[in-house]
PDB file of N, CA and C in Angstrom:
ATOM      1  N   UNK A   1     116.801 145.753  63.635  1.00  0.00           N
ATOM      2  CA  UNK A   1     115.895 145.457  64.753  1.00  0.00           C
ATOM      3  C   UNK A   1     116.407 143.760  65.011  1.00  0.00           C
ATOM      4  N   UNK A   2     116.446 144.014  66.389  1.00  0.00           N
ATOM      5  CA  UNK A   2     116.740 142.672  67.116  1.00  0.00           C
ATOM      6  C   UNK A   2     116.100 141.540  67.549  1.00  0.00           C
ATOM      7  N   UNK A   3     114.562 142.017  67.868  1.00  0.00           N
ATOM      8  CA  UNK A   3     113.234 141.165  68.118  1.00  0.00           C
ATOM      9  C   UNK A   3     113.604 140.492  67.068  1.00  0.00           C
ATOM     10  N   UNK A   4     113.274 140.429  65.931  1.00  0.00           N
ATOM     11  CA  UNK A   4     113.051 139.466  65.320  1.00  0.00           C
ATOM     12  C   UNK A   4     114.327 138.433  65.094  1.00  0.00           C
ATOM     13  N   UNK A   5     115.630 138.815  65.569  1.00  0.00           N
ATOM     14  CA  UNK A   5     116.205 137.251  65.678  1.00  0.00           C
ATOM     15  C   UNK A   5     115.324 135.996  65.975  1.00  0.00           C
ATOM     16  N   UNK A   6     115.992 135.044  65.141  1.00  0.00           N
ATOM     17  CA  UNK A   6     114.656 133.914  65.972  1.00  0.00           C
ATOM     18  C   UNK A   6     116.167 133.153  66.588  1.00  0.00           C
ATOM     19  N   UNK A   7     116.625 133.168  66.358  1.00  0.00           N
ATOM     20  CA  UNK A   7     118.021 132.207  67.592  1.00  0.00           C
ATOM     21  C   UNK A   7     117.521 132.087  68.994  1.00  0.00           C
ATOM     22  N   UNK A   8     117.814 133.639  69.963  1.00  0.00           N
ATOM     23  CA  UNK A   8     117.212 132.802  70.961  1.00  0.00           C
ATOM     24  C   UNK A   8     115.347 132.263  71.392  1.00  0.00           C
ATOM     25  N   UNK A   9     114.788 133.039  70.136  1.00  0.00           N
ATOM     26  CA  UNK A   9     113.625 132.745  70.589  1.00  0.00           C
ATOM     27  C   UNK A   9     113.115 131.428  70.547  1.00  0.00           C
ATOM     28  N   UNK A  10     113.902 130.855  69.557  1.00  0.00           N
ATOM     29  CA  UNK A  10     113.571 129.192  69.630  1.00  0.00           C
ATOM     30  C   UNK A  10     114.074 128.161  70.188  1.00  0.00           C
ATOM     31  N   UNK A  11     115.370 128.699  70.834  1.00  0.00           N
ATOM     32  CA  UNK A  11     115.586 127.729  71.913  1.00  0.00           C
ATOM     33  C   UNK A  11     114.829 128.117  72.932  1.00  0.00           C
ATOM     34  N   UNK A  12     113.873 128.782  73.463  1.00  0.00           N
ATOM     35  CA  UNK A  12     113.948 129.460  74.395  1.00  0.00           C
ATOM     36  C   UNK A  12     112.105 128.937  74.490  1.00  0.00           C
ATOM     37  N   UNK A  13     112.105 128.458  72.839  1.00  0.00           N
ATOM     38  CA  UNK A  13     110.679 127.377  72.864  1.00  0.00           C
ATOM     39  C   UNK A  13     111.216 125.988  73.311  1.00  0.00           C
ATOM     40  N   UNK A  14     111.877 125.515  72.748  1.00  0.00           N
ATOM     41  CA  UNK A  14     112.316 124.644  72.530  1.00  0.00           C
ATOM     42  C   UNK A  14     112.595 123.787  73.660  1.00  0.00           C
ATOM     43  N   UNK A  15     113.311 125.136  74.495  1.00  0.00           N
ATOM     44  CA  UNK A  15     113.608 124.538  76.160  1.00  0.00           C
ATOM     45  C   UNK A  15     112.701 124.641  77.178  1.00  0.00           C
ATOM     46  N   UNK A  16     111.043 125.087  76.610  1.00  0.00           N
ATOM     47  CA  UNK A  16     110.119 124.992  77.389  1.00  0.00           C
ATOM     48  C   UNK A  16     109.410 124.403  77.102  1.00  0.00           C
ATOM     49  N   UNK A  17     109.588 123.500  75.280  1.00  0.00           N
ATOM     50  CA  UNK A  17     108.613 122.581  75.828  1.00  0.00           C
ATOM     51  C   UNK A  17     109.554 120.897  76.374  1.00  0.00           C
ATOM     52  N   UNK A  18     110.978 121.126  76.656  1.00  0.00           N
ATOM     53  CA  UNK A  18     111.527 120.305  76.971  1.00  0.00           C
ATOM     54  C   UNK A  18     111.172 120.209  78.622  1.00  0.00           C
ATOM     55  N   UNK A  19     110.813 121.345  79.205  1.00  0.00           N
ATOM     56  CA  UNK A  19     110.150 121.163  80.719  1.00  0.00           C
ATOM     57  C   UNK A  19     109.118 120.309  80.159  1.00  0.00           C
ATOM     58  N   UNK A  20     107.854 120.772  79.427  1.00  0.00           N
ATOM     59  CA  UNK A  20     106.396 120.907  79.320  1.00  0.00           C
ATOM     60  C   UNK A  20     106.639 119.090  79.680  1.00  0.00           C
ATOM     61  N   UNK A  21     107.735 118.971  78.702  1.00  0.00           N
ATOM     62  CA  UNK A  21     107.374 117.526  78.467  1.00  0.00           C
ATOM     63  C   UNK A  21     108.177 116.562  79.195  1.00  0.00           C
ATOM     64  N   UNK A  22     109.033 116.566  79.913  1.00  0.00           N
ATOM     65  CA  UNK A  22     109.884 115.714  80.433  1.00  0.00           C
ATOM     66  C   UNK A  22     108.998 116.415  82.179  1.00  0.00           C
ATOM     67  N   UNK A  23     109.085 117.514  82.742  1.00  0.00           N
ATOM     68  CA  UNK A  23     108.485 117.754  84.435  1.00  0.00           C
ATOM     69  C   UNK A  23     106.822 117.112  84.271  1.00  0.00           C
ATOM     70  N   UNK A  24     106.109 118.252  83.677  1.00  0.00           N
ATOM     71  CA  UNK A  24     104.952 118.005  83.885  1.00  0.00           C
ATOM     72  C   UNK A  24     104.327 116.729  83.759  1.00  0.00           C
ATOM     73  N   UNK A  25     103.809 116.022  82.625  1.00  0.00           N
ATOM     74  CA  UNK A  25     103.433 114.667  82.389  1.00  0.00           C
ATOM     75  C   UNK A  25     103.303 113.898  84.050  1.00  0.00           C
ATOM     76  N   UNK A  26     104.774 113.753  84.163  1.00  0.00           N
ATOM     77  CA  UNK A  26     105.040 112.572  85.984  1.00  0.00           C
ATOM     78  C   UNK A  26     103.848 113.003  86.890  1.00  0.00           C
ATOM     79  N   UNK A  27     103.965 114.567  86.825  1.00  0.00           N
ATOM     80  CA  UNK A  27     102.939 114.794  88.049  1.00  0.00           C
ATOM     81  C   UNK A  27     101.894 114.817  87.985  1.00  0.00           C
ATOM     82  N   UNK A  28     101.498 115.267  86.801  1.00  0.00           N
ATOM     83  CA  UNK A  28      99.721 115.367  86.230  1.00  0.00           C
ATOM     84  C   UNK A  28      99.485 114.465  86.412  1.00  0.00           C
ATOM     85  N   UNK A  29     100.377 112.633  85.787  1.00  0.00           N
ATOM     86  CA  UNK A  29     100.089 111.095  85.786  1.00  0.00           C
ATOM     87  C   UNK A  29      99.868 110.445  87.099  1.00  0.00           C
ATOM     88  N   UNK A  30     100.861 111.537  88.265  1.00  0.00           N
ATOM     89  CA  UNK A  30     100.486 111.334  89.800  1.00  0.00           C
ATOM     90  C   UNK A  30      99.747 111.652  90.584  1.00  0.00           C
ATOM     91  N   UNK A  31      98.775 111.960  90.384  1.00  0.00           N
ATOM     92  CA  UNK A  31      97.455 112.684  90.315  1.00  0.00           C
ATOM     93  C   UNK A  31      96.058 111.316  90.788  1.00  0.00           C
ATOM     94  N   UNK A  32      95.914 111.565  92.342  1.00  0.00           N
ATOM     95  CA  UNK A  32      94.942 111.077  92.540  1.00  0.00           C
ATOM     96  C   UNK A  32      94.160 110.958  93.253  1.00  0.00           C
ATOM     97  N   UNK A  33      92.688 111.089  92.833  1.00  0.00           N
ATOM     98  CA  UNK A  33      91.334 111.175  93.298  1.00  0.00           C
ATOM     99  C   UNK A  33      91.163 111.267  94.534  1.00  0.00           C
ATOM    100  N   UNK A  34      90.801 111.729  95.591  1.00  0.00           N
ATOM    101  CA  UNK A  34      89.995 111.423  96.860  1.00  0.00           C
ATOM    102  C   UNK A  34      89.187 110.159  96.985  1.00  0.00           C
ATOM    103  N   UNK A  35      87.959 109.833  96.098  1.00  0.00           N
ATOM    104  CA  UNK A  35      87.395 109.183  95.818  1.00  0.00           C
ATOM    105  C   UNK A  35      87.212 108.930  94.704  1.00  0.00           C
ATOM    106  N   UNK A  36      87.449 107.611  94.714  1.00  0.00           N
ATOM    107  CA  UNK A  36      87.432 106.205  93.813  1.00  0.00           C
ATOM    108  C   UNK A  36      86.244 106.622  93.523  1.00  0.00           C
ATOM    109  N   UNK A  37      85.522 106.062  91.685  1.00  0.00           N
ATOM    110  CA  UNK A  37      84.404 105.796  91.410  1.00  0.00           C
ATOM    111  C   UNK A  37      84.005 103.886  91.600  1.00  0.00           C
ATOM    112  N   UNK A  38      82.648 104.027  92.039  1.00  0.00           N
ATOM    113  CA  UNK A  38      82.582 103.018  92.340  1.00  0.00           C
ATOM    114  C   UNK A  38      81.400 102.146  91.481  1.00  0.00           C
ATOM    115  N   UNK A  39      81.592 101.220  90.977  1.00  0.00           N
ATOM    116  CA  UNK A  39      80.230 100.389  89.694  1.00  0.00           C
ATOM    117  C   UNK A  39      79.028 100.747  90.279  1.00  0.00           C
ATOM    118  N   UNK A  40      77.716 101.275  89.543  1.00  0.00           N
ATOM    119  CA  UNK A  40      76.689 101.325  89.960  1.00  0.00           C
ATOM    120  C   UNK A  40      75.844 100.197  89.285  1.00  0.00           C
ATOM    121  N   UNK A  41      74.982  99.868  89.935  1.00  0.00           N
ATOM    122  CA  UNK A  41      74.047  98.464  89.553  1.00  0.00           C
ATOM    123  C   UNK A  41      73.258  99.100  88.573  1.00  0.00           C
ATOM    124  N   UNK A  42      73.200  97.989  87.498  1.00  0.00           N
ATOM    125  CA  UNK A  42      71.940  98.696  86.770  1.00  0.00           C
ATOM    126  C   UNK A  42      70.679  98.547  87.106  1.00  0.00           C
ATOM    127  N   UNK A  43      70.045  97.607  88.074  1.00  0.00           N
ATOM    128  CA  UNK A  43      69.117  97.929  88.397  1.00  0.00           C
ATOM    129  C   UNK A  43      68.152  99.564  88.565  1.00  0.00           C
ATOM    130  N   UNK A  44      66.874  99.629  88.325  1.00  0.00           N
ATOM    131  CA  UNK A  44      66.606 101.036  88.895  1.00  0.00           C
ATOM    132  C   UNK A  44      66.526 100.876  90.170  1.00  0.00           C
ATOM    133  N   UNK A  45      66.503 101.683  90.849  1.00  0.00           N
ATOM    134  CA  UNK A  45      65.897 101.770  92.755  1.00  0.00           C
ATOM    135  C   UNK A  45      63.974 101.833  92.682  1.00  0.00           C
ATOM    136  N   UNK A  46      63.523 100.990  93.154  1.00  0.00           N
ATOM    137  CA  UNK A  46      62.296 101.105  93.304  1.00  0.00           C
ATOM    138  C   UNK A  46      61.712 102.100  94.438  1.00  0.00           C
ATOM    139  N   UNK A  47      60.821 103.512  93.262  1.00  0.00           N
ATOM    140  CA  UNK A  47      60.533 104.257  94.208  1.00  0.00           C
ATOM    141  C   UNK A  47      58.851 104.294  94.440  1.00  0.00           C
ATOM    142  N   UNK A  48      58.444 105.132  95.922  1.00  0.00           N
ATOM    143  CA  UNK A  48      57.732 105.004  96.179  1.00  0.00           C
ATOM    144  C   UNK A  48      57.201 106.536  96.636  1.00  0.00           C
ATOM    145  N   UNK A  49      55.595 106.221  96.798  1.00  0.00           N
ATOM    146  CA  UNK A  49      55.144 106.867  96.406  1.00  0.00           C
ATOM    147  C   UNK A  49      55.017 107.996  97.671  1.00  0.00           C
ATOM    148  N   UNK A  50      55.220 109.780  97.464  1.00  0.00           N
ATOM    149  CA  UNK A  50      55.073 109.809  98.880  1.00  0.00           C
ATOM    150  C   UNK A  50      53.860 110.137  99.900  1.00  0.00           C
ATOM    151  N   UNK A  51      54.159 110.326 101.006  1.00  0.00           N
ATOM    152  CA  UNK A  51      53.202 109.992 101.432  1.00  0.00           C
ATOM    153  C   UNK A  51      52.572 111.578 102.052  1.00  0.00           C
ATOM    154  N   UNK A  52      51.182 112.176 102.086  1.00  0.00           N
ATOM    155  CA  UNK A  52      51.440 113.534 102.301  1.00  0.00           C
ATOM    156  C   UNK A  52      49.675 113.789 102.848  1.00  0.00           C
ATOM    157  N   UNK A  53      50.773 113.922 104.892  1.00  0.00           N
ATOM    158  CA  UNK A  53      49.577 113.755 105.343  1.00  0.00           C
ATOM    159  C   UNK A  53      48.151 115.003 105.483  1.00  0.00           C
ATOM    160  N   UNK A  54      48.917 116.202 104.750  1.00  0.00           N
ATOM    161  CA  UNK A  54      48.360 116.979 104.681  1.00  0.00           C
ATOM    162  C   UNK A  54      46.918 116.989 103.890  1.00  0.00           C
ATOM    163  N   UNK A  55      46.977 115.909 102.911  1.00  0.00           N
ATOM    164  CA  UNK A  55      46.494 116.388 101.494  1.00  0.00           C
ATOM    165  C   UNK A  55      44.488 115.377 101.830  1.00  0.00           C
TER     166      UNK A  55
END
């Protein structure tokens, strides 16, 4: 049963991990977000009551 021979599958596994660990991380780390987060103030905004003219 040739499908139980581990030699080619182990080489494919190692080659796949080499590709994943050398090519993909720089591509993922080079990703930039279009909207950089801005720091928010710690003060709560002052809320005004709603004015319901029909009530």
